[in-house]
Amino acid sequence: MHTASPFPMTTPSNEDEVIKPAVDGTLNVLKACTGKVKRVVLTSSCAAVGDQHSPDRKLTEDDWTDTCNPELNTYVKSKRLAEQAAWDYVKGLQDDEKFELAVINPCLVVGPVLFKQQGTSIDLMSQLMCGKLPALPNFSMATVDVRDVAEAHLVGMTLPEAAGHRHITASDLATLMEMSEIFKEEFAPQGYKPTTRAMPKFVVSIMAVFSAQGRAFKSRWGRETPYDNNRLKSVLKIEPRPLKESLVDMGYSLIETGIVPKTKEYKGRPAK
């Protein structure tokens, strides 16, 4: 399994800081596996499937992100190029070198953490839960529980039908505001104050003049990118967890691991 790829919170001045290790790192792993293993499971991303506004249809495994889009985020571009490089490499192998490739394409990964660690999705959710974001821009993200992603990798390793295919790993589509409301419902009684202020669009337009993050917010404003998870459910036989379960479990794990400090009001998870 190859699961690592750079995922920075901000866009670097040189896109090769993200793209080069994503592509070269993937190919280095595949080259090391050539002629030695039966199957490689590669962690790609829904970002490689598509990141465009698509309210009329769900994106499927047949879709690919357009790298010619000038507004494309560097991370999104890196995932597209790395996955394409993997498929091209496998396609070019000689008979005595061949191995199977199964690709897992998760969306924004949420859910419980196992220990005190840092990561882009962890940082985003902990800031959201603690109210450290001053306001929330209006765009949606598809999410998936980390436990479903882990199971998809395991099934992808062993299921014959997984070989030679991509697998969109997605659950619910939600705005940052909707995610924050889930945190508020569960954790406000325990002293937490999740961000619930909407960011005005004119603020985003001003930010876009001065920062890459502002330009990213502006390009995604009002955007919905739904993904078709039928293959996840029908082939891998995984029914993704709902977002509320994922975020509630994540919130308590962030507190118990010390990533999010305990408040004076915190009394632990209520008994079911």
C-alpha atoms as a PDB file:
ATOM      1  CA  MET A   1       0.000   0.000   0.000  1.00  0.00           C
ATOM      2  CA  HIS A   2       1.212   3.466  -0.898  1.00  0.00           C
ATOM      3  CA  THR A   3      -0.661   5.984   1.265  1.00  0.00           C
ATOM      4  CA  ALA A   4       1.532   9.090   1.574  1.00  0.00           C
ATOM      5  CA  SER A   5       1.396  12.336  -0.407  1.00  0.00           C
ATOM      6  CA  PRO A   6       2.030  16.005   0.494  1.00  0.00           C
ATOM      7  CA  PHE A   7      -1.162  17.836   1.540  1.00  0.00           C
ATOM      8  CA  PRO A   8      -0.273  21.400   2.610  1.00  0.00           C
ATOM      9  CA  MET A   9      -2.813  23.789   4.111  1.00  0.00           C
ATOM     10  CA  THR A  10      -1.457  26.634   1.957  1.00  0.00           C
ATOM     11  CA  THR A  11      -0.317  26.759  -1.658  1.00  0.00           C
ATOM     12  CA  PRO A  12       3.501  26.879  -2.010  1.00  0.00           C
ATOM     13  CA  SER A  13       5.136  29.464  -4.231  1.00  0.00           C
ATOM     14  CA  ASN A  14       6.640  26.644  -6.310  1.00  0.00           C
ATOM     15  CA  GLU A  15       4.107  23.944  -7.206  1.00  0.00           C
ATOM     16  CA  ASP A  16       6.893  21.376  -7.650  1.00  0.00           C
ATOM     17  CA  GLU A  17       7.243  21.340  -3.851  1.00  0.00           C
ATOM     18  CA  VAL A  18       4.002  19.346  -3.868  1.00  0.00           C
ATOM     19  CA  ILE A  19       3.813  17.835  -7.345  1.00  0.00           C
ATOM     20  CA  LYS A  20       7.339  16.415  -7.599  1.00  0.00           C
ATOM     21  CA  PRO A  21       7.263  14.336  -4.372  1.00  0.00           C
ATOM     22  CA  ALA A  22       3.698  13.217  -5.146  1.00  0.00           C
ATOM     23  CA  VAL A  23       4.576  11.901  -8.615  1.00  0.00           C
ATOM     24  CA  ASP A  24       8.143  10.744  -7.970  1.00  0.00           C
ATOM     25  CA  GLY A  25       7.228   9.194  -4.641  1.00  0.00           C
ATOM     26  CA  THR A  26       4.450   7.174  -6.251  1.00  0.00           C
ATOM     27  CA  LEU A  27       6.677   5.962  -9.071  1.00  0.00           C
ATOM     28  CA  ASN A  28       9.492   5.075  -6.655  1.00  0.00           C
ATOM     29  CA  VAL A  29       7.150   2.763  -4.757  1.00  0.00           C
ATOM     30  CA  LEU A  30       5.818   1.158  -7.942  1.00  0.00           C
ATOM     31  CA  LYS A  31       9.326   0.608  -9.289  1.00  0.00           C
ATOM     32  CA  ALA A  32      10.322  -1.073  -6.012  1.00  0.00           C
ATOM     33  CA  CYS A  33       7.303  -3.384  -6.362  1.00  0.00           C
ATOM     34  CA  THR A  34       7.929  -4.314  -9.991  1.00  0.00           C
ATOM     35  CA  GLY A  35       8.195  -8.071 -10.447  1.00  0.00           C
ATOM     36  CA  LYS A  36       7.981  -8.649  -6.688  1.00  0.00           C
ATOM     37  CA  VAL A  37       4.370  -8.250  -5.571  1.00  0.00           C
ATOM     38  CA  LYS A  38       0.936  -9.338  -6.777  1.00  0.00           C
ATOM     39  CA  ARG A  39      -0.959  -6.098  -6.131  1.00  0.00           C
ATOM     40  CA  VAL A  40      -0.380  -2.494  -5.113  1.00  0.00           C
ATOM     41  CA  VAL A  41      -3.115  -0.439  -3.453  1.00  0.00           C
ATOM     42  CA  LEU A  42      -2.599   3.253  -4.136  1.00  0.00           C
ATOM     43  CA  THR A  43      -4.196   6.056  -2.145  1.00  0.00           C
ATOM     44  CA  SER A  44      -5.217   8.698  -4.642  1.00  0.00           C
ATOM     45  CA  SER A  45      -8.026  11.189  -4.000  1.00  0.00           C
ATOM     46  CA  CYS A  46     -11.382  12.428  -5.221  1.00  0.00           C
ATOM     47  CA  ALA A  47      -9.275  15.413  -6.220  1.00  0.00           C
ATOM     48  CA  ALA A  48      -7.949  13.273  -9.080  1.00  0.00           C
ATOM     49  CA  VAL A  49     -11.512  12.461 -10.167  1.00  0.00           C
ATOM     50  CA  GLY A  50     -12.735  16.033 -10.427  1.00  0.00           C
ATOM     51  CA  ASP A  51     -12.967  19.271  -8.488  1.00  0.00           C
ATOM     52  CA  GLN A  52     -15.380  21.187 -10.688  1.00  0.00           C
ATOM     53  CA  HIS A  53     -18.866  22.475  -9.904  1.00  0.00           C
ATOM     54  CA  SER A  54     -21.176  19.607 -10.885  1.00  0.00           C
ATOM     55  CA  PRO A  55     -24.698  20.043  -9.462  1.00  0.00           C
ATOM     56  CA  ASP A  56     -26.416  18.137 -12.298  1.00  0.00           C
ATOM     57  CA  ARG A  57     -24.582  14.837 -12.024  1.00  0.00           C
ATOM     58  CA  LYS A  58     -22.312  12.890  -9.729  1.00  0.00           C
ATOM     59  CA  LEU A  59     -18.720  12.392 -10.779  1.00  0.00           C
ATOM     60  CA  THR A  60     -17.689   8.771 -11.307  1.00  0.00           C
ATOM     61  CA  GLU A  61     -14.473   6.782 -11.610  1.00  0.00           C
ATOM     62  CA  ASP A  62     -14.515   7.548 -15.340  1.00  0.00           C
ATOM     63  CA  ASP A  63     -13.923  11.247 -14.639  1.00  0.00           C
ATOM     64  CA  TRP A  64     -10.499  12.874 -14.401  1.00  0.00           C
ATOM     65  CA  THR A  65      -9.514  16.315 -13.149  1.00  0.00           C
ATOM     66  CA  ASP A  66      -8.558  18.738 -15.909  1.00  0.00           C
ATOM     67  CA  THR A  67      -4.961  19.779 -15.240  1.00  0.00           C
ATOM     68  CA  CYS A  68      -5.260  22.590 -17.807  1.00  0.00           C
ATOM     69  CA  ASN A  69      -7.658  24.485 -15.541  1.00  0.00           C
ATOM     70  CA  PRO A  70      -5.736  27.650 -14.504  1.00  0.00           C
ATOM     71  CA  GLU A  71      -7.619  27.802 -11.171  1.00  0.00           C
ATOM     72  CA  LEU A  72      -6.625  24.273 -10.216  1.00  0.00           C
ATOM     73  CA  ASN A  73      -5.260  23.912  -6.692  1.00  0.00           C
ATOM     74  CA  THR A  74      -1.681  22.601  -6.528  1.00  0.00           C
ATOM     75  CA  TYR A  75      -2.641  19.683  -4.282  1.00  0.00           C
ATOM     76  CA  VAL A  76      -5.493  18.696  -6.603  1.00  0.00           C
ATOM     77  CA  LYS A  77      -3.137  18.832  -9.571  1.00  0.00           C
ATOM     78  CA  SER A  78      -0.548  16.707  -7.755  1.00  0.00           C
ATOM     79  CA  LYS A  79      -3.066  13.945  -7.017  1.00  0.00           C
ATOM     80  CA  ARG A  80      -4.248  13.866 -10.624  1.00  0.00           C
ATOM     81  CA  LEU A  81      -0.720  13.691 -12.014  1.00  0.00           C
ATOM     82  CA  ALA A  82       0.450  11.097  -9.471  1.00  0.00           C
ATOM     83  CA  GLU A  83      -2.450   8.730 -10.110  1.00  0.00           C
ATOM     84  CA  GLN A  84      -2.174   9.080 -13.876  1.00  0.00           C
ATOM     85  CA  ALA A  85       1.549   8.353 -13.630  1.00  0.00           C
ATOM     86  CA  ALA A  86       0.746   5.176 -11.684  1.00  0.00           C
ATOM     87  CA  TRP A  87      -1.704   3.856 -14.283  1.00  0.00           C
ATOM     88  CA  ASP A  88       0.684   4.733 -17.121  1.00  0.00           C
ATOM     89  CA  TYR A  89       3.550   2.949 -15.377  1.00  0.00           C
ATOM     90  CA  VAL A  90       1.559  -0.241 -14.802  1.00  0.00           C
ATOM     91  CA  LYS A  91       0.302  -0.192 -18.379  1.00  0.00           C
ATOM     92  CA  GLY A  92       3.878  -0.094 -19.680  1.00  0.00           C
ATOM     93  CA  LEU A  93       5.179  -3.088 -17.722  1.00  0.00           C
ATOM     94  CA  GLN A  94       6.465  -6.225 -19.442  1.00  0.00           C
ATOM     95  CA  ASP A  95       4.687  -9.528 -18.769  1.00  0.00           C
ATOM     96  CA  ASP A  96       7.305 -10.725 -16.274  1.00  0.00           C
ATOM     97  CA  GLU A  97       7.110  -7.421 -14.366  1.00  0.00           C
ATOM     98  CA  LYS A  98       3.342  -6.985 -14.108  1.00  0.00           C
ATOM     99  CA  PHE A  99       1.382  -6.525 -10.915  1.00  0.00           C
ATOM    100  CA  GLU A 100      -2.203  -5.500 -10.237  1.00  0.00           C
ATOM    101  CA  LEU A 101      -3.119  -1.946  -9.255  1.00  0.00           C
ATOM    102  CA  ALA A 102      -6.165  -0.950  -7.218  1.00  0.00           C
ATOM    103  CA  VAL A 103      -6.744   2.726  -6.462  1.00  0.00           C
ATOM    104  CA  ILE A 104      -8.681   4.224  -3.551  1.00  0.00           C
ATOM    105  CA  ASN A 105     -10.003   7.781  -4.104  1.00  0.00           C
ATOM    106  CA  PRO A 106     -11.078   9.281  -0.753  1.00  0.00           C
ATOM    107  CA  CYS A 107     -12.660  12.692  -0.309  1.00  0.00           C
ATOM    108  CA  LEU A 108     -11.993  14.859   2.765  1.00  0.00           C
ATOM    109  CA  VAL A 109     -11.105  12.295   5.432  1.00  0.00           C
ATOM    110  CA  VAL A 110     -12.677  12.835   8.849  1.00  0.00           C
ATOM    111  CA  GLY A 111     -13.399  10.590  11.810  1.00  0.00           C
ATOM    112  CA  PRO A 112     -11.584   9.557  15.002  1.00  0.00           C
ATOM    113  CA  VAL A 113      -7.819   9.881  15.409  1.00  0.00           C
ATOM    114  CA  LEU A 114      -5.774   7.235  17.218  1.00  0.00           C
ATOM    115  CA  PHE A 115      -3.097   9.422  18.814  1.00  0.00           C
ATOM    116  CA  LYS A 116      -1.887  13.005  19.013  1.00  0.00           C
ATOM    117  CA  GLN A 117      -0.931  13.894  15.468  1.00  0.00           C
ATOM    118  CA  GLN A 118      -1.103  16.666  12.918  1.00  0.00           C
ATOM    119  CA  GLY A 119      -2.580  16.647   9.439  1.00  0.00           C
ATOM    120  CA  THR A 120      -4.505  18.971   7.177  1.00  0.00           C
ATOM    121  CA  SER A 121      -7.981  17.535   7.781  1.00  0.00           C
ATOM    122  CA  ILE A 122      -7.253  17.205  11.521  1.00  0.00           C
ATOM    123  CA  ASP A 123      -6.110  20.825  11.703  1.00  0.00           C
ATOM    124  CA  LEU A 124      -9.166  22.045   9.778  1.00  0.00           C
ATOM    125  CA  MET A 125     -11.669  20.166  11.947  1.00  0.00           C
ATOM    126  CA  SER A 126      -9.981  21.111  15.231  1.00  0.00           C
ATOM    127  CA  GLN A 127      -9.998  24.794  14.225  1.00  0.00           C
ATOM    128  CA  LEU A 128     -13.656  24.489  13.236  1.00  0.00           C
ATOM    129  CA  MET A 129     -14.578  22.813  16.529  1.00  0.00           C
ATOM    130  CA  CYS A 130     -12.722  25.365  18.662  1.00  0.00           C
ATOM    131  CA  GLY A 131     -13.991  28.420  16.792  1.00  0.00           C
ATOM    132  CA  LYS A 132     -10.519  29.444  15.611  1.00  0.00           C
ATOM    133  CA  LEU A 133     -11.792  30.209  12.109  1.00  0.00           C
ATOM    134  CA  PRO A 134     -13.267  33.740  12.171  1.00  0.00           C
ATOM    135  CA  ALA A 135     -15.870  32.978   9.492  1.00  0.00           C
ATOM    136  CA  LEU A 136     -16.781  30.207   7.070  1.00  0.00           C
ATOM    137  CA  PRO A 137     -16.831  30.522   3.276  1.00  0.00           C
ATOM    138  CA  ASN A 138     -19.773  29.091   1.356  1.00  0.00           C
ATOM    139  CA  PHE A 139     -18.613  25.937  -0.365  1.00  0.00           C
ATOM    140  CA  SER A 140     -19.231  22.241   0.052  1.00  0.00           C
ATOM    141  CA  MET A 141     -16.880  19.316   0.454  1.00  0.00           C
ATOM    142  CA  ALA A 142     -17.487  15.608   0.121  1.00  0.00           C
ATOM    143  CA  THR A 143     -16.348  13.721   3.207  1.00  0.00           C
ATOM    144  CA  VAL A 144     -15.599  10.162   4.224  1.00  0.00           C
ATOM    145  CA  ASP A 145     -14.845   8.436   7.518  1.00  0.00           C
ATOM    146  CA  VAL A 146     -11.243   7.331   8.045  1.00  0.00           C
ATOM    147  CA  ARG A 147     -12.486   3.885   9.140  1.00  0.00           C
ATOM    148  CA  ASP A 148     -14.261   3.434   5.818  1.00  0.00           C
ATOM    149  CA  VAL A 149     -11.103   4.517   3.988  1.00  0.00           C
ATOM    150  CA  ALA A 150      -9.051   1.980   5.948  1.00  0.00           C
ATOM    151  CA  GLU A 151     -11.542  -0.783   5.176  1.00  0.00           C
ATOM    152  CA  ALA A 152     -11.516   0.174   1.493  1.00  0.00           C
ATOM    153  CA  HIS A 153      -7.740  -0.283   1.433  1.00  0.00           C
ATOM    154  CA  LEU A 154      -7.986  -3.720   3.043  1.00  0.00           C
ATOM    155  CA  VAL A 155     -10.722  -4.886   0.686  1.00  0.00           C
ATOM    156  CA  GLY A 156      -8.839  -3.320  -2.216  1.00  0.00           C
ATOM    157  CA  MET A 157      -5.858  -5.485  -1.342  1.00  0.00           C
ATOM    158  CA  THR A 158      -7.741  -8.796  -1.300  1.00  0.00           C
ATOM    159  CA  LEU A 159     -10.851  -8.559  -3.477  1.00  0.00           C
ATOM    160  CA  PRO A 160     -10.225  -9.857  -7.028  1.00  0.00           C
ATOM    161  CA  GLU A 161     -12.752  -7.402  -8.513  1.00  0.00           C
ATOM    162  CA  ALA A 162     -10.829  -4.422  -7.104  1.00  0.00           C
ATOM    163  CA  ALA A 163      -7.812  -4.953  -9.371  1.00  0.00           C
ATOM    164  CA  GLY A 164      -7.541  -2.552 -12.287  1.00  0.00           C
ATOM    165  CA  HIS A 165     -10.113  -0.110 -10.917  1.00  0.00           C
ATOM    166  CA  ARG A 166     -10.484   3.218  -9.138  1.00  0.00           C
ATOM    167  CA  HIS A 167     -12.828   3.410  -6.140  1.00  0.00           C
ATOM    168  CA  ILE A 168     -14.429   6.691  -5.074  1.00  0.00           C
ATOM    169  CA  THR A 169     -14.575   6.617  -1.277  1.00  0.00           C
ATOM    170  CA  ALA A 170     -17.148   9.206  -0.237  1.00  0.00           C
ATOM    171  CA  SER A 171     -20.073   9.681   2.112  1.00  0.00           C
ATOM    172  CA  ASP A 172     -21.863  13.015   2.582  1.00  0.00           C
ATOM    173  CA  LEU A 173     -21.534  16.362   0.841  1.00  0.00           C
ATOM    174  CA  ALA A 174     -21.594  19.207   3.373  1.00  0.00           C
ATOM    175  CA  THR A 175     -20.643  22.847   3.798  1.00  0.00           C
ATOM    176  CA  LEU A 176     -18.221  23.947   6.496  1.00  0.00           C
ATOM    177  CA  MET A 177     -21.196  25.585   8.200  1.00  0.00           C
ATOM    178  CA  GLU A 178     -23.090  22.279   8.295  1.00  0.00           C
ATOM    179  CA  MET A 179     -20.047  20.565   9.776  1.00  0.00           C
ATOM    180  CA  SER A 180     -19.719  23.294  12.384  1.00  0.00           C
ATOM    181  CA  GLU A 181     -23.381  22.937  13.333  1.00  0.00           C
ATOM    182  CA  ILE A 182     -22.778  19.223  14.053  1.00  0.00           C
ATOM    183  CA  PHE A 183     -19.892  20.155  16.337  1.00  0.00           C
ATOM    184  CA  LYS A 184     -22.008  22.846  18.001  1.00  0.00           C
ATOM    185  CA  GLU A 185     -24.905  20.489  18.731  1.00  0.00           C
ATOM    186  CA  GLU A 186     -22.634  17.929  20.385  1.00  0.00           C
ATOM    187  CA  PHE A 187     -19.899  20.013  22.009  1.00  0.00           C
ATOM    188  CA  ALA A 188     -21.391  23.429  22.876  1.00  0.00           C
ATOM    189  CA  PRO A 189     -22.894  21.924  26.078  1.00  0.00           C
ATOM    190  CA  GLN A 190     -19.334  20.907  27.000  1.00  0.00           C
ATOM    191  CA  GLY A 191     -17.891  24.385  26.670  1.00  0.00           C
ATOM    192  CA  TYR A 192     -16.781  24.471  23.035  1.00  0.00           C
ATOM    193  CA  LYS A 193     -17.689  27.284  20.674  1.00  0.00           C
ATOM    194  CA  PRO A 194     -17.512  26.148  17.045  1.00  0.00           C
ATOM    195  CA  THR A 195     -17.421  28.791  14.329  1.00  0.00           C
ATOM    196  CA  THR A 196     -20.934  29.661  13.132  1.00  0.00           C
ATOM    197  CA  ARG A 197     -20.338  32.977  11.374  1.00  0.00           C
ATOM    198  CA  ALA A 198     -20.715  33.024   7.589  1.00  0.00           C
ATOM    199  CA  MET A 199     -18.016  34.787   5.594  1.00  0.00           C
ATOM    200  CA  PRO A 200     -19.445  37.507   3.328  1.00  0.00           C
ATOM    201  CA  LYS A 201     -18.603  37.030  -0.329  1.00  0.00           C
ATOM    202  CA  PHE A 202     -17.108  40.508  -0.651  1.00  0.00           C
ATOM    203  CA  VAL A 203     -14.517  39.576   2.000  1.00  0.00           C
ATOM    204  CA  VAL A 204     -13.487  36.582  -0.084  1.00  0.00           C
ATOM    205  CA  SER A 205     -13.168  38.826  -3.146  1.00  0.00           C
ATOM    206  CA  ILE A 206     -10.813  41.098  -1.224  1.00  0.00           C
ATOM    207  CA  MET A 207      -8.819  38.142   0.116  1.00  0.00           C
ATOM    208  CA  ALA A 208      -8.461  36.799  -3.418  1.00  0.00           C
ATOM    209  CA  VAL A 209      -6.444  39.875  -4.386  1.00  0.00           C
ATOM    210  CA  PHE A 210      -3.816  39.235  -1.735  1.00  0.00           C
ATOM    211  CA  SER A 211      -3.687  35.491  -1.001  1.00  0.00           C
ATOM    212  CA  ALA A 212      -3.803  32.071  -2.645  1.00  0.00           C
ATOM    213  CA  GLN A 213      -6.215  30.907   0.064  1.00  0.00           C
ATOM    214  CA  GLY A 214      -8.567  33.752  -0.810  1.00  0.00           C
ATOM    215  CA  ARG A 215      -8.405  32.833  -4.486  1.00  0.00           C
ATOM    216  CA  ALA A 216      -9.181  29.216  -3.590  1.00  0.00           C
ATOM    217  CA  PHE A 217     -12.192  30.301  -1.520  1.00  0.00           C
ATOM    218  CA  LYS A 218     -13.440  32.527  -4.336  1.00  0.00           C
ATOM    219  CA  SER A 219     -13.125  29.809  -6.981  1.00  0.00           C
ATOM    220  CA  ARG A 220     -15.026  27.340  -4.780  1.00  0.00           C
ATOM    221  CA  TRP A 221     -17.770  29.754  -3.640  1.00  0.00           C
ATOM    222  CA  GLY A 222     -21.161  28.053  -3.822  1.00  0.00           C
ATOM    223  CA  ARG A 223     -19.570  25.012  -5.459  1.00  0.00           C
ATOM    224  CA  GLU A 224     -20.929  21.503  -5.105  1.00  0.00           C
ATOM    225  CA  THR A 225     -18.967  18.497  -6.315  1.00  0.00           C
ATOM    226  CA  PRO A 226     -20.947  15.315  -5.588  1.00  0.00           C
ATOM    227  CA  TYR A 227     -19.332  11.932  -6.160  1.00  0.00           C
ATOM    228  CA  ASP A 228     -20.896   8.603  -7.081  1.00  0.00           C
ATOM    229  CA  ASN A 229     -19.937   6.043  -4.405  1.00  0.00           C
ATOM    230  CA  ASN A 230     -21.801   3.145  -5.993  1.00  0.00           C
ATOM    231  CA  ARG A 231     -18.647   1.112  -6.596  1.00  0.00           C
ATOM    232  CA  LEU A 232     -17.665   1.517  -2.932  1.00  0.00           C
ATOM    233  CA  LYS A 233     -21.008   0.069  -1.879  1.00  0.00           C
ATOM    234  CA  SER A 234     -21.712  -2.484  -4.598  1.00  0.00           C
ATOM    235  CA  VAL A 235     -18.235  -3.890  -5.253  1.00  0.00           C
ATOM    236  CA  LEU A 236     -16.248  -3.292  -2.057  1.00  0.00           C
ATOM    237  CA  LYS A 237     -19.456  -3.836  -0.014  1.00  0.00           C
ATOM    238  CA  ILE A 238     -18.761  -0.869   2.273  1.00  0.00           C
ATOM    239  CA  GLU A 239     -21.659   1.279   3.482  1.00  0.00           C
ATOM    240  CA  PRO A 240     -20.084   4.625   4.408  1.00  0.00           C
ATOM    241  CA  ARG A 241     -20.796   6.093   7.816  1.00  0.00           C
ATOM    242  CA  PRO A 242     -22.912   9.273   7.979  1.00  0.00           C
ATOM    243  CA  LEU A 243     -21.080  12.556   8.525  1.00  0.00           C
ATOM    244  CA  LYS A 244     -22.602  13.219  11.947  1.00  0.00           C
ATOM    245  CA  GLU A 245     -21.258   9.947  13.348  1.00  0.00           C
ATOM    246  CA  SER A 246     -17.828  10.688  11.886  1.00  0.00           C
ATOM    247  CA  LEU A 247     -17.592  14.221  13.268  1.00  0.00           C
ATOM    248  CA  VAL A 248     -18.916  13.386  16.721  1.00  0.00           C
ATOM    249  CA  ASP A 249     -16.463  10.493  17.042  1.00  0.00           C
ATOM    250  CA  MET A 250     -13.711  12.721  15.699  1.00  0.00           C
ATOM    251  CA  GLY A 251     -14.494  15.494  18.164  1.00  0.00           C
ATOM    252  CA  TYR A 252     -14.218  13.254  21.209  1.00  0.00           C
ATOM    253  CA  SER A 253     -11.011  11.687  19.905  1.00  0.00           C
ATOM    254  CA  LEU A 254      -9.487  15.141  19.335  1.00  0.00           C
ATOM    255  CA  ILE A 255     -10.204  15.973  22.964  1.00  0.00           C
ATOM    256  CA  GLU A 256      -9.069  12.660  24.455  1.00  0.00           C
ATOM    257  CA  THR A 257      -5.781  12.657  22.508  1.00  0.00           C
ATOM    258  CA  GLY A 258      -5.028  16.238  23.566  1.00  0.00           C
ATOM    259  CA  ILE A 259      -5.162  17.764  20.101  1.00  0.00           C
ATOM    260  CA  VAL A 260      -8.071  19.897  21.325  1.00  0.00           C
ATOM    261  CA  PRO A 261      -7.734  21.077  24.955  1.00  0.00           C
ATOM    262  CA  LYS A 262     -10.358  20.029  27.474  1.00  0.00           C
ATOM    263  CA  THR A 263     -12.652  22.756  28.746  1.00  0.00           C
ATOM    264  CA  LYS A 264     -13.724  23.161  32.362  1.00  0.00           C
ATOM    265  CA  GLU A 265     -17.190  21.966  31.345  1.00  0.00           C
ATOM    266  CA  TYR A 266     -15.953  18.840  29.588  1.00  0.00           C
ATOM    267  CA  LYS A 267     -17.274  15.680  31.221  1.00  0.00           C
ATOM    268  CA  GLY A 268     -16.487  13.114  28.539  1.00  0.00           C
ATOM    269  CA  ARG A 269     -18.736  11.348  26.138  1.00  0.00           C
ATOM    270  CA  PRO A 270     -22.257  10.760  27.486  1.00  0.00           C
ATOM    271  CA  ALA A 271     -23.150   7.126  28.036  1.00  0.00           C
ATOM    272  CA  LYS A 272     -25.427   5.733  25.352  1.00  0.00           C
END
